[in-house]
């Protein structure tokens, strides 16, 4: 069955269920009619046995034959071994019942059917056997011809009606299955066209209907839109990454070609290797940031961390790494913990990227502030005294590889703010970029007022976890 088409399986199941219902209903009707007909014959037999019983004498013969014949039934008086002592009506001298059936009578009246129902018997009887005195039995019988004929006619009518009903229900079920599955086949053809490269197609979902099929169509359309958006972002990302990777790879190739043009001294080789190391570090940093971005896109990094503790650890690491510029950075950290829904390394990456971005593109003094401006929210603010982000780039500064023209001569890949934006959005927070009275918001809006000022300010708002 699993190899058959779904429509065939639906019709087969529907027909099987209908057949079971018809069979049960037919069996019930047949049983009730059979019971009613047998009940009518049993009443006639009981009345006849009541009339004949007192007429049987001690020698097994009836005392009043006309009265016995007036009952209109076949009757016999039998001995224990089945010998016929007297008889009347259609019954002859041969016992209408076998000796084995007679042995089952005992001391109570019994009723038997003799003669086959199918195939049709020549002498079908319904018999009632009543024990009488002297180890003798009174057998009373009526023919079952009309009863059997009525039951055979009922069986034929039930079979014809059931067969007709099955054919009609199978036809109706097939029409209904075809109508129900027609949109599915239409969706399949459209999906096949999309799979073959026609990416801008969508499933044709009727607007006036709301059933399982139309909801499936809407879900597929939403999925296709998401896939198309993901593919477009991937295509854009690959193009931008290829563009950004082309520069360091070209520089590496050019430096190696220049180094091979003429013999070099040891000092020349060391200088060239130092230059190559700078380019390789740039490539390694770009690859690392790309890996981090792909991890955020995949939904990695669940957990929680204390933002205050992470900020203190990042500050200590930076001061130890660059003790000469310790005075350029001031920090304001609260005394209480601020638990945020991201792992320690993710919070550290946000703070590191913001401080690195300020150091690369801004000017001292730098200020880092961590506080809780509203219940349920934590805020990280990094400001500097640099030229800030141009107004034309402010709204798109979080896009991957987005860099101002003057920033392309400085180190960096344009992925720092993109990574921060992805991590903040994943945690349900908001990233704000503010400079010169202009503001740009990214992520989930937070119910916290924006800080006004002329300095370049990057603000991260994160929901906190109640302790």
Protein backbone atom coordinates (compact mmCIF):
# COMPACT_ATOMS: atom_id res chain seq x y z
CA UNK A 1 0.00 0.00 0.00
CA UNK A 2 2.86 2.41 0.78
CA UNK A 3 3.95 2.27 -2.88
CA UNK A 4 0.54 3.31 -4.19
CA UNK A 5 -0.31 6.97 -4.85
CA UNK A 6 -1.76 8.87 -1.93
CA UNK A 7 -5.09 9.35 -3.74
CA UNK A 8 -5.44 5.57 -4.24
CA UNK A 9 -4.64 4.92 -0.60
CA UNK A 10 -7.19 7.48 0.55
CA UNK A 11 -9.92 5.98 -1.64
CA UNK A 12 -8.97 2.45 -0.57
CA UNK A 13 -9.10 3.39 3.10
CA UNK A 14 -12.40 5.21 2.66
CA UNK A 15 -13.88 2.24 0.79
CA UNK A 16 -12.60 -0.24 3.39
CA UNK A 17 -14.19 1.80 6.18
CA UNK A 18 -17.46 2.01 4.23
CA UNK A 19 -17.38 -1.74 3.58
CA UNK A 20 -16.91 -2.44 7.29
CA UNK A 21 -19.83 -0.17 8.19
CA UNK A 22 -22.07 -1.71 5.51
CA UNK A 23 -21.12 -5.23 6.61
CA UNK A 24 -21.92 -4.46 10.23
CA UNK A 25 -25.20 -2.75 9.32
CA UNK A 26 -26.19 -5.60 6.97
CA UNK A 27 -25.38 -8.24 9.60
CA UNK A 28 -27.52 -6.37 12.14
CA UNK A 29 -30.47 -6.06 9.75
CA UNK A 30 -30.20 -9.73 8.74
CA UNK A 31 -30.06 -10.82 12.39
CA UNK A 32 -33.13 -8.77 13.31
CA UNK A 33 -35.17 -10.06 10.33
CA UNK A 34 -34.05 -13.66 10.97
CA UNK A 35 -35.00 -13.31 14.62
CA UNK A 36 -38.44 -11.90 13.75
CA UNK A 37 -39.19 -14.67 11.23
CA UNK A 38 -38.00 -17.42 13.57
CA UNK A 39 -40.06 -15.90 16.36
CA UNK A 40 -43.19 -16.15 14.24
CA UNK A 41 -42.51 -19.82 13.46
CA UNK A 42 -41.74 -20.58 17.12
CA UNK A 43 -45.09 -19.14 18.22
CA UNK A 44 -46.86 -21.37 15.70
CA UNK A 45 -44.90 -24.41 16.89
CA UNK A 46 -45.59 -23.64 20.53
CA UNK A 47 -49.32 -23.35 19.90
CA UNK A 48 -49.34 -26.61 17.92
CA UNK A 49 -47.37 -28.50 20.61
CA UNK A 50 -49.74 -27.19 23.27
CA UNK A 51 -52.69 -28.56 21.29
CA UNK A 52 -51.11 -31.91 20.41
CA UNK A 53 -49.51 -32.70 23.75
CA UNK A 54 -52.71 -33.66 25.61
CA UNK A 55 -53.88 -35.80 22.62
CA UNK A 56 -50.93 -38.25 22.81
CA UNK A 57 -51.95 -41.51 24.58
CA UNK A 58 -49.73 -43.89 26.54
CA UNK A 59 -49.22 -46.07 23.47
CA UNK A 60 -47.86 -43.11 21.46
CA UNK A 61 -50.93 -42.52 19.32
CA UNK A 62 -53.17 -39.46 19.33
CA UNK A 63 -56.68 -39.81 20.63
CA UNK A 64 -58.29 -37.26 18.28
CA UNK A 65 -56.76 -37.31 14.83
CA UNK A 66 -59.05 -34.63 13.28
CA UNK A 67 -58.06 -32.21 16.05
CA UNK A 68 -54.39 -33.07 15.48
CA UNK A 69 -54.68 -32.55 11.75
CA UNK A 70 -56.45 -29.24 12.33
CA UNK A 71 -53.20 -27.73 13.65
CA UNK A 72 -51.87 -27.71 10.06
CA UNK A 73 -48.34 -28.69 11.03
CA UNK A 74 -46.23 -31.79 10.54
CA UNK A 75 -46.08 -33.86 13.73
CA UNK A 76 -44.62 -37.13 14.92
CA UNK A 77 -44.54 -39.10 18.14
CA UNK A 78 -41.08 -40.63 18.61
CA UNK A 79 -39.54 -43.16 20.93
CA UNK A 80 -36.12 -42.65 22.54
CA UNK A 81 -34.31 -44.39 19.68
CA UNK A 82 -36.15 -42.36 17.01
CA UNK A 83 -38.91 -44.84 16.02
CA UNK A 84 -42.05 -43.09 14.74
CA UNK A 85 -45.12 -44.23 16.76
CA UNK A 86 -47.60 -41.89 15.10
CA UNK A 87 -47.49 -39.04 12.61
CA UNK A 88 -49.64 -36.55 10.79
CA UNK A 89 -49.65 -33.67 8.39
CA UNK A 90 -46.79 -33.64 5.85
CA UNK A 91 -44.64 -35.81 8.15
CA UNK A 92 -44.18 -39.44 7.11
CA UNK A 93 -43.03 -42.57 8.90
CA UNK A 94 -39.37 -41.50 8.75
CA UNK A 95 -38.20 -39.33 11.62
CA UNK A 96 -37.63 -35.71 10.66
CA UNK A 97 -34.75 -35.49 13.16
CA UNK A 98 -31.60 -37.53 13.58
CA UNK A 99 -30.93 -39.69 16.61
CA UNK A 100 -27.99 -37.50 17.63
CA UNK A 101 -30.21 -34.42 17.72
CA UNK A 102 -32.84 -36.36 19.66
CA UNK A 103 -30.26 -37.30 22.30
CA UNK A 104 -29.62 -33.60 22.94
CA UNK A 105 -33.22 -32.86 23.92
CA UNK A 106 -33.17 -34.07 27.48
CA UNK A 107 -36.12 -32.97 29.63
CA UNK A 108 -36.72 -29.51 28.15
CA UNK A 109 -38.19 -28.51 24.77
CA UNK A 110 -35.68 -27.86 22.00
CA UNK A 111 -35.92 -26.19 18.59
CA UNK A 112 -33.96 -27.33 15.52
CA UNK A 113 -33.64 -26.30 11.86
CA UNK A 114 -33.31 -29.14 9.37
CA UNK A 115 -32.58 -28.72 5.70
CA UNK A 116 -29.87 -26.43 4.26
CA UNK A 117 -30.42 -22.71 3.76
CA UNK A 118 -27.92 -22.64 0.89
CA UNK A 119 -28.03 -24.56 -1.37
CA UNK A 120 -31.83 -24.70 -1.21
CA UNK A 121 -33.13 -27.85 0.48
CA UNK A 122 -36.28 -29.71 -0.66
CA UNK A 123 -37.55 -30.20 2.89
CA UNK A 124 -36.59 -27.30 5.09
CA UNK A 125 -38.29 -27.51 8.50
CA UNK A 126 -38.19 -25.77 11.81
CA UNK A 127 -38.85 -28.36 14.47
CA UNK A 128 -39.89 -28.19 18.10
CA UNK A 129 -39.37 -31.34 20.21
CA UNK A 130 -41.20 -31.63 23.52
CA UNK A 131 -40.52 -34.53 25.96
CA UNK A 132 -43.67 -36.44 27.04
CA UNK A 133 -44.25 -39.29 29.44
CA UNK A 134 -42.90 -42.76 28.87
CA UNK A 135 -39.55 -41.72 27.28
CA UNK A 136 -41.36 -40.44 24.23
CA UNK A 137 -41.14 -37.13 22.33
CA UNK A 138 -43.64 -35.03 20.48
CA UNK A 139 -42.09 -33.50 17.35
CA UNK A 140 -43.88 -30.54 15.73
CA UNK A 141 -42.56 -28.90 12.55
CA UNK A 142 -43.40 -26.19 10.06
CA UNK A 143 -41.81 -25.66 6.70
CA UNK A 144 -39.31 -22.79 6.38
CA UNK A 145 -39.76 -22.15 2.65
CA UNK A 146 -41.18 -18.62 3.00
CA UNK A 147 -38.79 -17.73 5.81
CA UNK A 148 -35.72 -18.92 3.86
CA UNK A 149 -36.90 -17.27 0.67
CA UNK A 150 -37.37 -13.97 2.50
CA UNK A 151 -33.87 -14.19 4.00
CA UNK A 152 -32.30 -15.07 0.66
CA UNK A 153 -34.05 -12.12 -0.94
CA UNK A 154 -32.82 -9.89 1.90
CA UNK A 155 -29.24 -11.10 1.40
CA UNK A 156 -29.42 -10.38 -2.32
CA UNK A 157 -30.81 -6.90 -1.75
CA UNK A 158 -28.23 -6.15 0.92
CA UNK A 159 -25.42 -7.33 -1.37
CA UNK A 160 -26.68 -5.24 -4.30
CA UNK A 161 -27.25 -2.18 -2.12
CA UNK A 162 -23.84 -2.61 -0.49
CA UNK A 163 -22.06 -3.00 -3.82
CA UNK A 164 -23.81 0.07 -5.20
CA UNK A 165 -22.99 2.05 -2.09
CA UNK A 166 -19.34 1.00 -2.29
CA UNK A 167 -19.12 2.06 -5.94
CA UNK A 168 -20.75 5.41 -5.25
CA UNK A 169 -18.63 6.11 -2.16
CA UNK A 170 -15.45 5.08 -4.01
CA UNK A 171 -16.33 7.43 -6.88
CA UNK A 172 -17.19 10.29 -4.52
CA UNK A 173 -14.06 9.59 -2.45
CA UNK A 174 -11.91 9.66 -5.56
CA UNK A 175 -13.42 12.98 -6.66
CA UNK A 176 -12.91 14.45 -3.19
CA UNK A 177 -9.33 13.15 -2.98
CA UNK A 178 -8.53 14.59 -6.40
CA UNK A 179 -10.01 17.95 -5.41
CA UNK A 180 -8.16 17.97 -2.08
CA UNK A 181 -4.81 16.96 -3.59
CA UNK A 182 -5.04 19.16 -6.68
CA UNK A 183 -3.47 22.17 -4.87
CA UNK A 184 -0.70 19.89 -3.58
CA UNK A 185 0.15 18.81 -7.11
CA UNK A 186 0.04 22.46 -8.21
CA UNK A 187 2.40 23.34 -5.35
CA UNK A 188 4.69 20.46 -6.38
CA UNK A 189 4.93 21.69 -9.97
CA UNK A 190 5.63 25.23 -8.79
CA UNK A 191 8.26 23.97 -6.32
CA UNK A 192 9.88 21.95 -9.13
CA UNK A 193 10.07 25.11 -11.23
CA UNK A 194 11.66 26.94 -8.30
CA UNK A 195 14.13 24.08 -7.81
CA UNK A 196 15.10 24.36 -11.47
CA UNK A 197 16.24 27.93 -10.96
CA UNK A 198 13.17 30.17 -11.14
CA UNK A 199 13.77 31.67 -7.71
CA UNK A 200 11.25 34.53 -7.88
CA UNK A 201 8.19 32.24 -8.16
CA UNK A 202 5.75 31.77 -5.29
CA UNK A 203 2.98 29.26 -4.68
CA UNK A 204 -0.45 30.41 -5.88
CA UNK A 205 -2.48 30.40 -2.65
CA UNK A 206 -6.18 31.42 -2.81
CA UNK A 207 -6.74 34.47 -0.64
CA UNK A 208 -10.38 33.67 0.21
CA UNK A 209 -9.67 30.23 1.71
CA UNK A 210 -8.21 29.20 5.06
CA UNK A 211 -7.65 25.46 5.34
CA UNK A 212 -4.74 23.09 5.85
CA UNK A 213 -3.61 23.28 2.22
CA UNK A 214 -3.70 27.07 2.03
CA UNK A 215 -1.86 27.35 5.35
CA UNK A 216 0.75 24.97 3.96
CA UNK A 217 1.04 27.20 0.89
CA UNK A 218 1.52 30.32 3.03
CA UNK A 219 4.17 28.50 5.08
CA UNK A 220 6.00 27.46 1.91
CA UNK A 221 5.86 31.00 0.56
CA UNK A 222 7.30 32.35 3.81
CA UNK A 223 10.02 29.70 3.68
CA UNK A 224 10.81 30.55 0.06
CA UNK A 225 11.05 34.26 0.94
CA UNK A 226 13.41 33.43 3.80
CA UNK A 227 15.50 31.19 1.57
CA UNK A 228 15.64 33.81 -1.15
CA UNK A 229 16.72 36.42 1.38
CA UNK A 230 19.35 34.07 2.80
CA UNK A 231 20.66 33.28 -0.68
CA UNK A 232 20.81 36.97 -1.53
CA UNK A 233 22.69 37.71 1.69
CA UNK A 234 25.04 34.81 0.98
CA UNK A 235 25.61 36.04 -2.58
CA UNK A 236 26.29 39.56 -1.34
CA UNK A 237 28.54 38.26 1.41
CA UNK A 238 30.58 36.15 -1.01
CA UNK A 239 30.97 39.08 -3.38
CA UNK A 240 32.07 41.43 -0.60
CA UNK A 241 34.37 38.84 0.96
CA UNK A 242 35.94 38.16 -2.44
CA UNK A 243 36.51 41.87 -2.88
CA UNK A 244 38.07 42.27 0.56
CA UNK A 245 40.25 39.18 0.20
CA UNK A 246 41.50 40.25 -3.20
CA UNK A 247 43.57 43.15 -1.76
CA UNK A 248 45.72 41.22 0.76
CA UNK A 249 46.13 38.31 -1.66
CA UNK A 250 47.22 40.70 -4.42
CA UNK A 251 49.68 42.37 -2.05
CA UNK A 252 51.09 39.00 -1.04
CA UNK A 253 51.50 37.95 -4.67
CA UNK A 254 53.13 41.26 -5.62
CA UNK A 255 55.57 41.18 -2.71
CA UNK A 256 56.58 37.60 -3.51
CA UNK A 257 57.07 38.44 -7.20
CA UNK A 258 59.19 41.47 -6.32
CA UNK A 259 61.25 39.42 -3.89
CA UNK A 260 62.02 36.85 -6.59
CA UNK A 261 63.14 39.34 -9.25
CA UNK A 262 66.73 39.63 -7.98
CA UNK A 263 68.94 38.14 -5.30
CA UNK A 264 68.32 39.48 -1.81
CA UNK A 265 70.40 39.76 1.29
CA UNK A 266 69.40 38.25 4.61
CA UNK A 267 68.24 41.66 5.82
CA UNK A 268 66.11 42.07 2.70
CA UNK A 269 64.51 38.67 3.22
CA UNK A 270 63.74 39.49 6.86
CA UNK A 271 62.14 42.78 5.85
CA UNK A 272 60.08 41.09 3.14
CA UNK A 273 59.00 38.35 5.55
CA UNK A 274 57.93 41.02 8.05
CA UNK A 275 55.80 42.69 5.38
CA UNK A 276 54.32 39.33 4.40
CA UNK A 277 53.54 38.63 8.05
CA UNK A 278 51.48 41.84 8.24
CA UNK A 279 49.45 40.80 5.22
CA UNK A 280 49.01 37.27 6.57
CA UNK A 281 47.84 38.64 9.92
CA UNK A 282 45.26 40.70 8.07
CA UNK A 283 44.07 37.61 6.23
CA UNK A 284 43.95 35.59 9.46
CA UNK A 285 42.01 38.33 11.24
CA UNK A 286 39.53 38.56 8.37
CA UNK A 287 39.04 34.79 8.36
CA UNK A 288 38.55 34.77 12.13
CA UNK A 289 35.88 37.46 11.95
CA UNK A 290 34.14 35.64 9.11
CA UNK A 291 34.05 32.48 11.23
CA UNK A 292 32.62 34.42 14.16
CA UNK A 293 29.93 35.92 11.95
CA UNK A 294 28.99 32.49 10.59
CA UNK A 295 28.71 31.21 14.16
CA UNK A 296 26.30 34.01 15.05
CA UNK A 297 24.24 33.35 11.89
CA UNK A 298 23.97 29.68 12.92
CA UNK A 299 22.59 30.66 16.33
CA UNK A 300 25.62 29.55 18.33
CA UNK A 301 26.66 30.86 21.71
CA UNK A 302 23.66 30.52 24.05
CA UNK A 303 24.19 31.19 27.76
CA UNK A 304 24.53 34.07 30.19
CA UNK A 305 27.33 36.25 31.55
CA UNK A 306 28.01 39.08 33.98
CA UNK A 307 28.55 42.13 31.78
CA UNK A 308 30.35 44.05 34.55
CA UNK A 309 32.84 41.23 35.18
CA UNK A 310 33.47 40.76 31.44
CA UNK A 311 34.06 44.51 30.99
CA UNK A 312 36.55 44.56 33.89
CA UNK A 313 38.43 41.59 32.40
CA UNK A 314 38.59 43.20 28.92
CA UNK A 315 39.87 46.46 30.40
CA UNK A 316 42.63 44.69 32.36
CA UNK A 317 43.73 42.78 29.26
CA UNK A 318 43.95 45.98 27.19
CA UNK A 319 45.88 47.84 29.89
CA UNK A 320 48.37 44.99 30.21
CA UNK A 321 48.77 44.76 26.43
CA UNK A 322 49.31 48.54 25.93
CA UNK A 323 50.48 50.14 29.20
CA UNK A 324 51.70 53.31 27.42
CA UNK A 325 48.12 54.38 26.55
CA UNK A 326 46.42 53.44 29.80
CA UNK A 327 45.42 57.06 30.42
CA UNK A 328 43.60 57.32 27.07
CA UNK A 329 40.77 55.07 28.26
CA UNK A 330 38.49 55.77 31.20
CA UNK A 331 35.82 53.39 32.41
CA UNK A 332 32.74 53.62 34.61
CA UNK A 333 31.51 50.27 35.88
CA UNK A 334 28.71 49.67 38.42
CA UNK A 335 29.28 47.71 41.60
CA UNK A 336 26.38 45.30 41.05
CA UNK A 337 26.26 42.45 38.55
CA UNK A 338 24.41 42.80 35.24
CA UNK A 339 23.47 39.37 33.90
CA UNK A 340 22.84 39.38 30.14
CA UNK A 341 21.68 36.53 27.83
CA UNK A 342 24.96 35.83 26.02
CA UNK A 343 28.09 33.82 26.68
CA UNK A 344 31.20 35.40 28.25
CA UNK A 345 33.19 35.26 25.01
CA UNK A 346 30.34 36.95 23.09
CA UNK A 347 30.13 39.83 25.58
CA UNK A 348 33.93 40.12 25.48
CA UNK A 349 33.86 40.17 21.67
CA UNK A 350 31.34 43.05 21.68
CA UNK A 351 33.43 45.13 24.09
CA UNK A 352 36.70 44.33 22.28
CA UNK A 353 35.27 45.19 18.85
CA UNK A 354 33.80 48.49 20.10
CA UNK A 355 37.09 49.54 21.75
CA UNK A 356 39.17 48.40 18.74
CA UNK A 357 36.86 50.29 16.40
CA UNK A 358 37.20 53.46 18.49
CA UNK A 359 40.99 53.07 18.64
CA UNK A 360 41.31 52.49 14.86
CA UNK A 361 38.93 55.15 13.57
CA UNK A 362 38.55 57.54 16.51
CA UNK A 363 40.79 59.66 18.75
CA UNK A 364 41.55 59.76 22.46
CA UNK A 365 40.20 60.20 25.03
CA UNK A 366 38.04 57.06 24.99
CA UNK A 367 35.32 56.34 27.51
CA UNK A 368 33.63 53.05 28.37
CA UNK A 369 30.49 53.12 30.49
CA UNK A 370 28.43 50.17 31.72
CA UNK A 371 25.19 50.88 33.61
CA UNK A 372 21.51 49.91 33.91
CA UNK A 373 19.44 52.91 32.77
CA UNK A 374 16.08 51.09 33.02
CA UNK A 375 14.90 48.05 35.01
CA UNK A 376 15.58 44.95 32.93
CA UNK A 377 18.13 46.61 30.64
CA UNK A 378 21.93 46.95 30.60
CA UNK A 379 23.77 49.63 28.60
CA UNK A 380 27.32 49.69 27.23
CA UNK A 381 28.54 53.03 25.85
CA UNK A 382 31.83 53.64 24.05
CA UNK A 383 32.64 57.22 22.99
CA UNK A 384 35.70 58.92 21.51
CA UNK A 385 36.75 62.33 20.27
CA UNK A 386 37.40 61.30 16.68
CA UNK A 387 35.83 62.50 13.42
CA UNK A 388 32.97 59.98 13.77
CA UNK A 389 31.09 58.12 11.09
CA UNK A 390 29.97 60.15 8.07
CA UNK A 391 26.23 60.83 8.00
CA UNK A 392 25.85 58.97 4.68
CA UNK A 393 27.41 55.83 6.19
CA UNK A 394 25.76 55.96 9.61
CA UNK A 395 22.68 53.88 8.69
CA UNK A 396 24.72 51.24 6.84
CA UNK A 397 27.73 51.10 9.13
CA UNK A 398 26.73 47.67 10.49
CA UNK A 399 26.71 46.03 7.07
CA UNK A 400 29.53 43.61 6.40
CA UNK A 401 32.66 45.21 4.92
CA UNK A 402 31.08 48.66 5.21
CA UNK A 403 33.92 51.22 5.51
CA UNK A 404 34.32 54.91 4.80
CA UNK A 405 36.67 55.85 1.95
CA UNK A 406 39.21 57.42 4.30
CA UNK A 407 39.13 54.33 6.54
CA UNK A 408 40.23 51.96 3.79
CA UNK A 409 43.85 53.01 4.25
CA UNK A 410 43.74 51.99 7.91
CA UNK A 411 43.81 48.42 9.27
CA UNK A 412 40.51 46.63 9.63
CA UNK A 413 38.08 44.67 7.49
CA UNK A 414 34.74 46.36 8.10
CA UNK A 415 33.35 43.38 10.03
CA UNK A 416 33.65 44.64 13.60
CA UNK A 417 30.33 46.49 13.84
CA UNK A 418 28.62 43.79 11.75
CA UNK A 419 29.64 41.18 14.31
CA UNK A 420 28.51 43.40 17.19
CA UNK A 421 25.17 44.00 15.49
CA UNK A 422 24.63 40.26 14.93
CA UNK A 423 25.49 39.35 18.55
CA UNK A 424 23.29 42.12 19.97
CA UNK A 425 20.32 41.20 17.74
CA UNK A 426 20.71 37.52 18.69
CA UNK A 427 20.47 38.49 22.38
CA UNK A 428 17.34 40.59 21.75
CA UNK A 429 19.10 43.93 22.20
CA UNK A 430 19.67 47.14 20.25
CA UNK A 431 22.79 48.79 18.77
CA UNK A 432 22.77 52.57 18.41
CA UNK A 433 25.29 54.71 16.52
CA UNK A 434 25.20 58.44 17.32
CA UNK A 435 27.29 61.34 16.02
CA UNK A 436 26.64 65.02 15.52
CA UNK A 437 22.99 64.78 16.54
CA UNK A 438 22.29 61.93 14.11
CA UNK A 439 21.25 58.50 15.34
CA UNK A 440 21.04 55.08 13.72
CA UNK A 441 19.30 52.14 15.43
CA UNK A 442 19.80 48.43 14.66
CA UNK A 443 18.22 45.33 16.22
CA UNK A 444 15.28 45.19 18.61
CA UNK A 445 14.21 48.65 19.89
CA UNK A 446 14.80 49.13 23.62
CA UNK A 447 12.72 51.41 25.89
CA UNK A 448 15.76 53.55 26.75
CA UNK A 449 16.24 57.14 25.69
CA UNK A 450 19.11 57.89 23.32
CA UNK A 451 22.08 59.80 24.73
CA UNK A 452 22.59 63.17 23.01
CA UNK A 453 26.03 64.56 22.36
CA UNK A 454 28.43 65.72 19.68
CA UNK A 455 31.05 62.99 20.25
CA UNK A 456 31.01 59.71 18.38
CA UNK A 457 29.05 57.29 20.61
CA UNK A 458 28.25 53.62 20.14
CA UNK A 459 25.64 52.28 22.54
CA UNK A 460 24.67 48.66 23.11
CA UNK A 461 21.43 47.92 24.99
CA UNK A 462 20.94 44.37 26.24
CA UNK A 463 18.08 42.79 28.22
CA UNK A 464 19.15 41.57 31.63
CA UNK A 465 18.35 38.26 33.31
CA UNK A 466 16.62 38.54 36.66
CA UNK A 467 18.70 36.95 39.42
